[in-house]
Amino acid sequence: MSKAHCFICSTHLEQQWPEGTNSDPDYDPWEDVKDGISLRLSAGYGSRNDGDYGYIIICDPCYTARKSHIVNLGNWIIESVEGIDSADLETIDPA
């Protein structure tokens, strides 16, 4: 299955790389969603759904509209470049 529906609004979504990636043999194509995100679901103790696992797929508009409700929201890309000085970056020759 390479298509799914947004958990919130039912928009059709697809895997970014349905065939997987050459660099990671254990890659699960539902880790990356075109125009959306995937959340690995693992219901644990305290839930009536204990033991359930899989992915919840959410389209970008639904996710963006609800970002303020996310616990411990961060962005690893922004955090990893915060301390880099532009003088330390290597110049890339386009030729």
N, C-alpha and C. Protein backbone atom coordinates (compact mmCIF):
# COMPACT_ATOMS: atom_id res chain seq x y z
N MET A 1 0.85 -1.17 0.00
CA MET A 1 0.00 0.00 0.00
C MET A 1 0.90 1.24 0.00
N SER A 2 0.78 2.09 -1.00
CA SER A 2 1.60 3.30 -1.06
C SER A 2 0.76 4.57 -0.91
N LYS A 3 -0.54 4.41 -0.65
CA LYS A 3 -1.42 5.57 -0.43
C LYS A 3 -2.19 5.37 0.87
N ALA A 4 -2.53 6.50 1.48
CA ALA A 4 -3.31 6.46 2.72
C ALA A 4 -4.12 7.75 2.81
N HIS A 5 -4.83 7.92 3.90
CA HIS A 5 -5.65 9.11 4.11
C HIS A 5 -5.18 9.85 5.35
N CYS A 6 -5.28 11.17 5.30
CA CYS A 6 -4.99 11.99 6.47
C CYS A 6 -5.90 11.55 7.62
N PHE A 7 -5.31 11.37 8.78
CA PHE A 7 -6.04 10.94 9.97
C PHE A 7 -7.12 11.93 10.37
N ILE A 8 -6.95 13.20 9.99
CA ILE A 8 -7.88 14.25 10.40
C ILE A 8 -8.92 14.56 9.33
N CYS A 9 -8.49 14.81 8.10
CA CYS A 9 -9.43 15.30 7.08
C CYS A 9 -9.66 14.31 5.93
N SER A 10 -8.97 13.19 5.92
CA SER A 10 -9.11 12.14 4.91
C SER A 10 -8.53 12.48 3.53
N THR A 11 -7.72 13.54 3.43
CA THR A 11 -7.03 13.83 2.17
C THR A 11 -6.16 12.64 1.79
N HIS A 12 -6.12 12.30 0.51
CA HIS A 12 -5.27 11.22 0.03
C HIS A 12 -3.81 11.65 0.10
N LEU A 13 -2.95 10.81 0.65
CA LEU A 13 -1.52 11.06 0.74
C LEU A 13 -0.76 9.85 0.23
N GLU A 14 0.48 10.10 -0.22
CA GLU A 14 1.31 9.03 -0.78
C GLU A 14 2.67 9.01 -0.10
N GLN A 15 3.33 7.86 -0.20
CA GLN A 15 4.69 7.74 0.30
C GLN A 15 5.62 8.56 -0.60
N GLN A 16 6.61 9.19 0.02
CA GLN A 16 7.59 9.97 -0.74
C GLN A 16 8.44 9.05 -1.64
N TRP A 17 8.91 7.95 -1.08
CA TRP A 17 9.71 6.98 -1.82
C TRP A 17 9.11 5.59 -1.63
N PRO A 18 8.07 5.25 -2.39
CA PRO A 18 7.39 3.96 -2.19
C PRO A 18 8.28 2.74 -2.41
N GLU A 19 9.33 2.89 -3.20
CA GLU A 19 10.22 1.76 -3.46
C GLU A 19 11.31 1.64 -2.39
N GLY A 20 11.33 2.56 -1.43
CA GLY A 20 12.36 2.53 -0.40
C GLY A 20 13.55 3.37 -0.81
N THR A 21 14.65 3.22 -0.09
CA THR A 21 15.87 3.94 -0.42
C THR A 21 17.02 2.95 -0.55
N ASN A 22 17.97 3.28 -1.40
CA ASN A 22 19.14 2.42 -1.59
C ASN A 22 20.09 2.47 -0.40
N SER A 23 20.07 3.58 0.33
CA SER A 23 21.03 3.77 1.41
C SER A 23 20.63 3.11 2.73
N ASP A 24 19.38 2.71 2.87
CA ASP A 24 18.92 2.13 4.13
C ASP A 24 18.01 0.94 3.83
N PRO A 25 18.54 -0.28 3.95
CA PRO A 25 17.72 -1.46 3.63
C PRO A 25 16.53 -1.67 4.56
N ASP A 26 16.57 -1.08 5.76
CA ASP A 26 15.48 -1.24 6.73
C ASP A 26 14.47 -0.10 6.66
N TYR A 27 14.61 0.77 5.66
CA TYR A 27 13.73 1.93 5.51
C TYR A 27 12.28 1.50 5.30
N ASP A 28 11.38 2.10 6.07
CA ASP A 28 9.94 1.87 5.90
C ASP A 28 9.38 3.04 5.10
N PRO A 29 8.82 2.81 3.91
CA PRO A 29 8.34 3.91 3.08
C PRO A 29 7.32 4.83 3.74
N TRP A 30 6.68 4.40 4.82
CA TRP A 30 5.74 5.30 5.49
C TRP A 30 6.43 6.29 6.42
N GLU A 31 7.76 6.23 6.52
CA GLU A 31 8.46 7.21 7.34
C GLU A 31 8.40 8.60 6.70
N ASP A 32 8.32 8.67 5.38
CA ASP A 32 8.29 9.94 4.66
C ASP A 32 7.05 9.99 3.78
N VAL A 33 6.27 11.06 3.94
CA VAL A 33 5.00 11.21 3.23
C VAL A 33 5.04 12.47 2.39
N LYS A 34 4.64 12.36 1.14
CA LYS A 34 4.56 13.50 0.24
C LYS A 34 3.47 14.45 0.74
N ASP A 35 3.81 15.71 1.01
CA ASP A 35 2.86 16.74 1.48
C ASP A 35 2.20 16.39 2.81
N GLY A 36 2.94 15.67 3.65
CA GLY A 36 2.40 15.33 4.96
C GLY A 36 3.47 14.77 5.87
N ILE A 37 3.05 14.31 7.02
CA ILE A 37 3.97 13.71 7.98
C ILE A 37 3.41 12.37 8.43
N SER A 38 4.28 11.54 8.97
CA SER A 38 3.84 10.28 9.55
C SER A 38 4.28 10.25 11.00
N LEU A 39 3.44 9.73 11.82
CA LEU A 39 3.73 9.58 13.24
C LEU A 39 3.69 8.10 13.57
N ARG A 40 4.78 7.59 14.11
CA ARG A 40 4.83 6.18 14.49
C ARG A 40 3.95 6.01 15.73
N LEU A 41 2.96 5.17 15.62
CA LEU A 41 2.01 4.93 16.70
C LEU A 41 2.40 3.68 17.47
N SER A 42 2.46 3.81 18.76
CA SER A 42 2.68 2.66 19.63
C SER A 42 1.91 2.91 20.91
N ALA A 43 0.73 2.33 20.99
CA ALA A 43 -0.12 2.53 22.16
C ALA A 43 0.42 1.71 23.32
N GLY A 44 0.66 2.38 24.45
CA GLY A 44 1.26 1.71 25.60
C GLY A 44 0.30 1.60 26.76
N TYR A 45 0.87 1.27 27.91
CA TYR A 45 0.07 1.11 29.12
C TYR A 45 -0.72 2.37 29.41
N GLY A 46 -1.92 2.21 29.86
CA GLY A 46 -2.78 3.34 30.16
C GLY A 46 -3.83 3.56 29.08
N SER A 47 -3.59 3.00 27.90
CA SER A 47 -4.54 3.14 26.80
C SER A 47 -5.39 1.89 26.67
N ARG A 48 -6.64 2.07 26.31
CA ARG A 48 -7.50 0.93 26.01
C ARG A 48 -7.05 0.23 24.73
N ASN A 49 -6.16 0.88 23.98
CA ASN A 49 -5.65 0.32 22.73
C ASN A 49 -4.23 -0.22 22.90
N ASP A 50 -3.85 -0.54 24.12
CA ASP A 50 -2.51 -1.04 24.42
C ASP A 50 -2.14 -2.16 23.45
N GLY A 51 -0.98 -2.03 22.85
CA GLY A 51 -0.50 -3.05 21.91
C GLY A 51 -0.65 -2.65 20.46
N ASP A 52 -1.52 -1.68 20.16
CA ASP A 52 -1.67 -1.24 18.77
C ASP A 52 -0.40 -0.53 18.31
N TYR A 53 -0.04 -0.72 17.05
CA TYR A 53 1.10 -0.01 16.49
C TYR A 53 0.89 0.21 15.00
N GLY A 54 1.62 1.15 14.43
CA GLY A 54 1.50 1.48 13.02
C GLY A 54 1.88 2.92 12.80
N TYR A 55 1.29 3.56 11.78
CA TYR A 55 1.56 4.96 11.48
C TYR A 55 0.25 5.73 11.41
N ILE A 56 0.27 6.95 11.89
CA ILE A 56 -0.81 7.91 11.66
C ILE A 56 -0.25 8.90 10.65
N ILE A 57 -0.98 9.11 9.57
CA ILE A 57 -0.57 10.01 8.50
C ILE A 57 -1.40 11.28 8.59
N ILE A 58 -0.73 12.45 8.57
CA ILE A 58 -1.43 13.73 8.67
C ILE A 58 -0.93 14.65 7.55
N CYS A 59 -1.85 15.26 6.82
CA CYS A 59 -1.46 16.17 5.74
C CYS A 59 -0.84 17.43 6.35
N ASP A 60 0.01 18.11 5.56
CA ASP A 60 0.68 19.32 6.05
C ASP A 60 -0.29 20.40 6.55
N PRO A 61 -1.40 20.70 5.85
CA PRO A 61 -2.30 21.73 6.35
C PRO A 61 -2.92 21.39 7.73
N CYS A 62 -3.30 20.14 7.92
CA CYS A 62 -3.87 19.75 9.22
C CYS A 62 -2.82 19.82 10.32
N TYR A 63 -1.61 19.37 10.02
CA TYR A 63 -0.52 19.44 11.00
C TYR A 63 -0.21 20.89 11.36
N THR A 64 -0.05 21.74 10.35
CA THR A 64 0.29 23.15 10.58
C THR A 64 -0.77 23.84 11.44
N ALA A 65 -2.03 23.53 11.19
CA ALA A 65 -3.12 24.15 11.94
C ALA A 65 -3.15 23.73 13.41
N ARG A 66 -2.47 22.64 13.74
CA ARG A 66 -2.54 22.10 15.10
C ARG A 66 -1.19 22.06 15.81
N LYS A 67 -0.16 22.67 15.24
CA LYS A 67 1.19 22.61 15.83
C LYS A 67 1.23 23.14 17.25
N SER A 68 0.36 24.08 17.59
CA SER A 68 0.39 24.65 18.94
C SER A 68 -0.03 23.63 20.00
N HIS A 69 -0.59 22.51 19.61
CA HIS A 69 -1.03 21.49 20.57
C HIS A 69 0.01 20.41 20.81
N ILE A 70 1.17 20.50 20.14
CA ILE A 70 2.17 19.45 20.22
C ILE A 70 3.03 19.63 21.47
N VAL A 71 3.25 18.55 22.19
CA VAL A 71 4.06 18.56 23.39
C VAL A 71 5.54 18.45 23.00
N ASN A 72 6.38 19.32 23.54
CA ASN A 72 7.82 19.32 23.29
C ASN A 72 8.18 19.48 21.82
N LEU A 73 7.52 20.37 21.13
CA LEU A 73 7.79 20.59 19.71
C LEU A 73 9.15 21.25 19.51
N GLY A 74 9.92 20.73 18.61
CA GLY A 74 11.21 21.29 18.26
C GLY A 74 11.47 21.05 16.78
N ASN A 75 12.60 21.52 16.29
CA ASN A 75 12.98 21.28 14.90
C ASN A 75 14.47 21.00 14.88
N TRP A 76 14.85 19.74 14.62
CA TRP A 76 16.26 19.35 14.70
C TRP A 76 17.11 20.03 13.63
N ILE A 77 16.53 20.42 12.50
CA ILE A 77 17.31 21.08 11.45
C ILE A 77 17.72 22.48 11.93
N ILE A 78 16.76 23.24 12.43
CA ILE A 78 17.05 24.59 12.93
C ILE A 78 18.03 24.52 14.10
N GLU A 79 17.80 23.60 15.02
CA GLU A 79 18.66 23.48 16.20
C GLU A 79 20.09 23.10 15.83
N SER A 80 20.28 22.33 14.77
CA SER A 80 21.63 21.88 14.41
C SER A 80 22.45 22.96 13.73
N VAL A 81 21.81 23.99 13.18
CA VAL A 81 22.57 25.04 12.50
C VAL A 81 22.63 26.35 13.28
N GLU A 82 21.98 26.41 14.43
CA GLU A 82 21.94 27.65 15.21
C GLU A 82 23.32 28.19 15.58
N GLY A 83 24.26 27.32 15.92
CA GLY A 83 25.56 27.76 16.37
C GLY A 83 26.60 27.89 15.27
N ILE A 84 26.21 27.70 14.02
CA ILE A 84 27.18 27.76 12.93
C ILE A 84 27.36 29.20 12.46
N ASP A 85 28.61 29.61 12.40
CA ASP A 85 28.94 30.93 11.88
C ASP A 85 29.10 30.83 10.38
N SER A 86 28.55 31.78 9.64
CA SER A 86 28.61 31.73 8.17
C SER A 86 30.05 31.70 7.68
N ALA A 87 30.99 32.24 8.44
CA ALA A 87 32.40 32.22 8.04
C ALA A 87 32.98 30.82 8.07
N ASP A 88 32.34 29.93 8.83
CA ASP A 88 32.82 28.56 8.92
C ASP A 88 32.29 27.65 7.82
N LEU A 89 31.36 28.15 7.02
CA LEU A 89 30.78 27.33 5.96
C LEU A 89 31.69 27.26 4.75
N GLU A 90 31.74 26.10 4.14
CA GLU A 90 32.57 25.90 2.96
C GLU A 90 31.86 26.47 1.74
N THR A 91 32.59 27.16 0.90
CA THR A 91 32.05 27.69 -0.34
C THR A 91 31.97 26.56 -1.36
N ILE A 92 30.83 26.42 -2.00
CA ILE A 92 30.63 25.37 -2.99
C ILE A 92 30.79 25.96 -4.38
N ASP A 93 31.69 25.39 -5.15
CA ASP A 93 31.93 25.83 -6.51
C ASP A 93 30.86 25.22 -7.41
N PRO A 94 30.00 26.04 -8.04
CA PRO A 94 28.90 25.51 -8.86
C PRO A 94 29.37 24.84 -10.15
N ALA A 95 30.63 25.03 -10.54
CA ALA A 95 31.11 24.47 -11.80
C ALA A 95 31.44 23.03 -11.72
